[in-house]
Amino acid sequence: MTNNKFKLKKGDEVIVLAGKDKGKTGKIIKMIPKEMKAIVSEINKVKKNQKPDNNQPGGIIEKEMPLHISNLSFYDTVSKKAARIGYKINNNKKTRVNKLTGKEV
């Protein structure tokens, strides 16, 4: 088993590095550590035929599909660029740091 620990977290603003939505940005809605994937809002949308259920009607719905973590990068909203994330330990507290600017995330 691999130890899946990611520097990206739910709620982070990310930019897509590869695929059909390359260059688009969005927030991470859900992380899937076992598959090393993440679901990003308004990114990698596909049309899916949904069967009618007890509480929802059937039809064609648009749904976000998971993207592999390697195709995502943290998006720095100030410099409008993709940035890498590192860690710094201050007063026995581990904080995420933007390697581009050195500021805390």
C-alpha atoms as a PDB file:
ATOM      1  CA  MET A   1       0.000   0.000   0.000  1.00  0.00           C
ATOM      2  CA  THR A   2       1.160   3.498  -0.774  1.00  0.00           C
ATOM      3  CA  ASN A   3       0.912   6.245   1.782  1.00  0.00           C
ATOM      4  CA  ASN A   4      -1.233   8.825  -0.008  1.00  0.00           C
ATOM      5  CA  LYS A   5      -0.520  12.242   1.512  1.00  0.00           C
ATOM      6  CA  PHE A   6      -1.169  15.286  -0.620  1.00  0.00           C
ATOM      7  CA  LYS A   7      -0.172  18.901  -0.338  1.00  0.00           C
ATOM      8  CA  LEU A   8      -3.504  19.905  -1.882  1.00  0.00           C
ATOM      9  CA  LYS A   9      -6.573  19.965   0.349  1.00  0.00           C
ATOM     10  CA  LYS A  10     -10.335  20.325  -0.007  1.00  0.00           C
ATOM     11  CA  GLY A  11     -11.237  23.973  -0.660  1.00  0.00           C
ATOM     12  CA  ASP A  12      -7.915  24.877  -2.335  1.00  0.00           C
ATOM     13  CA  GLU A  13      -7.947  26.908  -5.540  1.00  0.00           C
ATOM     14  CA  VAL A  14      -6.189  24.797  -8.202  1.00  0.00           C
ATOM     15  CA  ILE A  15      -5.218  25.107 -11.870  1.00  0.00           C
ATOM     16  CA  VAL A  16      -5.432  22.182 -14.309  1.00  0.00           C
ATOM     17  CA  LEU A  17      -2.067  21.314 -15.893  1.00  0.00           C
ATOM     18  CA  ALA A  18      -3.168  18.692 -18.448  1.00  0.00           C
ATOM     19  CA  GLY A  19      -6.259  17.392 -20.228  1.00  0.00           C
ATOM     20  CA  LYS A  20      -9.226  18.968 -21.988  1.00  0.00           C
ATOM     21  CA  ASP A  21      -9.626  21.675 -19.300  1.00  0.00           C
ATOM     22  CA  LYS A  22      -5.939  22.692 -19.248  1.00  0.00           C
ATOM     23  CA  GLY A  23      -5.439  26.202 -17.842  1.00  0.00           C
ATOM     24  CA  LYS A  24      -8.832  26.402 -16.096  1.00  0.00           C
ATOM     25  CA  THR A  25      -9.079  27.072 -12.366  1.00  0.00           C
ATOM     26  CA  GLY A  26     -11.512  25.894  -9.710  1.00  0.00           C
ATOM     27  CA  LYS A  27     -11.898  24.850  -6.091  1.00  0.00           C
ATOM     28  CA  ILE A  28     -11.419  21.267  -4.898  1.00  0.00           C
ATOM     29  CA  ILE A  29     -14.810  19.881  -3.816  1.00  0.00           C
ATOM     30  CA  LYS A  30     -13.695  16.390  -2.790  1.00  0.00           C
ATOM     31  CA  MET A  31     -10.442  14.439  -2.442  1.00  0.00           C
ATOM     32  CA  ILE A  32     -10.282  10.693  -3.219  1.00  0.00           C
ATOM     33  CA  PRO A  33      -6.984   9.531  -1.628  1.00  0.00           C
ATOM     34  CA  LYS A  34      -7.339   5.825  -2.507  1.00  0.00           C
ATOM     35  CA  GLU A  35      -7.503   6.634  -6.221  1.00  0.00           C
ATOM     36  CA  MET A  36      -5.127   9.653  -5.984  1.00  0.00           C
ATOM     37  CA  LYS A  37      -7.829  11.853  -7.537  1.00  0.00           C
ATOM     38  CA  ALA A  38      -9.749  15.020  -6.766  1.00  0.00           C
ATOM     39  CA  ILE A  39     -13.048  16.496  -7.942  1.00  0.00           C
ATOM     40  CA  VAL A  40     -12.786  20.173  -8.917  1.00  0.00           C
ATOM     41  CA  SER A  41     -15.839  22.456  -9.285  1.00  0.00           C
ATOM     42  CA  GLU A  42     -16.857  23.218 -12.893  1.00  0.00           C
ATOM     43  CA  ILE A  43     -13.875  21.224 -14.278  1.00  0.00           C
ATOM     44  CA  ASN A  44     -13.911  17.928 -16.248  1.00  0.00           C
ATOM     45  CA  LYS A  45     -17.696  17.982 -16.687  1.00  0.00           C
ATOM     46  CA  VAL A  46     -19.323  15.122 -18.569  1.00  0.00           C
ATOM     47  CA  LYS A  47     -22.882  14.393 -19.594  1.00  0.00           C
ATOM     48  CA  LYS A  48     -24.281  11.292 -17.898  1.00  0.00           C
ATOM     49  CA  ASN A  49     -27.525   9.435 -18.509  1.00  0.00           C
ATOM     50  CA  GLN A  50     -29.213   9.237 -15.090  1.00  0.00           C
ATOM     51  CA  LYS A  51     -31.868   6.632 -14.339  1.00  0.00           C
ATOM     52  CA  PRO A  52     -34.895   7.862 -12.409  1.00  0.00           C
ATOM     53  CA  ASP A  53     -34.585   7.317  -8.672  1.00  0.00           C
ATOM     54  CA  ASN A  54     -36.997   7.682  -5.745  1.00  0.00           C
ATOM     55  CA  ASN A  55     -36.068  11.315  -5.144  1.00  0.00           C
ATOM     56  CA  GLN A  56     -34.755  12.486  -8.553  1.00  0.00           C
ATOM     57  CA  PRO A  57     -35.970  12.336 -12.141  1.00  0.00           C
ATOM     58  CA  GLY A  58     -34.059  10.644 -14.934  1.00  0.00           C
ATOM     59  CA  GLY A  59     -32.445  12.363 -17.892  1.00  0.00           C
ATOM     60  CA  ILE A  60     -29.099  13.687 -19.006  1.00  0.00           C
ATOM     61  CA  ILE A  61     -27.192  15.430 -16.223  1.00  0.00           C
ATOM     62  CA  GLU A  62     -23.828  17.204 -16.206  1.00  0.00           C
ATOM     63  CA  LYS A  63     -21.469  15.915 -13.561  1.00  0.00           C
ATOM     64  CA  GLU A  64     -17.880  16.656 -12.508  1.00  0.00           C
ATOM     65  CA  MET A  65     -15.565  13.676 -12.824  1.00  0.00           C
ATOM     66  CA  PRO A  66     -12.362  13.122 -10.810  1.00  0.00           C
ATOM     67  CA  LEU A  67      -8.983  14.355 -12.073  1.00  0.00           C
ATOM     68  CA  HIS A  68      -5.642  12.797 -11.133  1.00  0.00           C
ATOM     69  CA  ILE A  69      -3.690  14.794  -8.526  1.00  0.00           C
ATOM     70  CA  SER A  70      -0.644  15.009 -10.833  1.00  0.00           C
ATOM     71  CA  ASN A  71      -2.693  17.096 -13.285  1.00  0.00           C
ATOM     72  CA  LEU A  72      -3.513  19.741 -10.642  1.00  0.00           C
ATOM     73  CA  SER A  73      -1.379  22.467  -9.110  1.00  0.00           C
ATOM     74  CA  PHE A  74      -2.060  25.039  -6.385  1.00  0.00           C
ATOM     75  CA  TYR A  75      -3.172  28.350  -7.940  1.00  0.00           C
ATOM     76  CA  ASP A  76      -1.783  31.581  -6.476  1.00  0.00           C
ATOM     77  CA  THR A  77      -4.583  34.152  -6.936  1.00  0.00           C
ATOM     78  CA  VAL A  78      -2.250  37.135  -6.322  1.00  0.00           C
ATOM     79  CA  SER A  79       0.372  36.322  -8.992  1.00  0.00           C
ATOM     80  CA  LYS A  80      -2.168  34.376 -11.111  1.00  0.00           C
ATOM     81  CA  LYS A  81       0.253  31.452 -11.531  1.00  0.00           C
ATOM     82  CA  ALA A  82       0.567  27.814 -10.563  1.00  0.00           C
ATOM     83  CA  ALA A  83       2.670  27.457  -7.426  1.00  0.00           C
ATOM     84  CA  ARG A  84       4.237  24.613  -5.531  1.00  0.00           C
ATOM     85  CA  ILE A  85       3.521  24.070  -1.860  1.00  0.00           C
ATOM     86  CA  GLY A  86       6.038  23.290   0.848  1.00  0.00           C
ATOM     87  CA  TYR A  87       5.948  23.034   4.626  1.00  0.00           C
ATOM     88  CA  LYS A  88       7.495  25.136   7.387  1.00  0.00           C
ATOM     89  CA  ILE A  89       7.523  24.391  11.094  1.00  0.00           C
ATOM     90  CA  ASN A  90       7.019  27.416  13.361  1.00  0.00           C
ATOM     91  CA  ASN A  91       6.535  27.012  17.139  1.00  0.00           C
ATOM     92  CA  ASN A  92       5.923  23.253  16.745  1.00  0.00           C
ATOM     93  CA  LYS A  93       3.166  23.965  14.176  1.00  0.00           C
ATOM     94  CA  LYS A  94       3.430  22.670  10.617  1.00  0.00           C
ATOM     95  CA  THR A  95       2.065  25.156   8.084  1.00  0.00           C
ATOM     96  CA  ARG A  96       1.715  25.015   4.312  1.00  0.00           C
ATOM     97  CA  VAL A  97       3.778  27.619   2.474  1.00  0.00           C
ATOM     98  CA  ASN A  98       3.609  28.889  -1.107  1.00  0.00           C
ATOM     99  CA  LYS A  99       7.119  28.308  -2.504  1.00  0.00           C
ATOM    100  CA  LEU A 100       6.679  31.102  -5.074  1.00  0.00           C
ATOM    101  CA  THR A 101       6.074  33.888  -2.558  1.00  0.00           C
ATOM    102  CA  GLY A 102       6.994  32.303   0.785  1.00  0.00           C
ATOM    103  CA  LYS A 103       3.593  33.209   2.267  1.00  0.00           C
ATOM    104  CA  GLU A 104       1.447  30.866   4.334  1.00  0.00           C
ATOM    105  CA  VAL A 105      -1.460  29.144   2.610  1.00  0.00           C
END
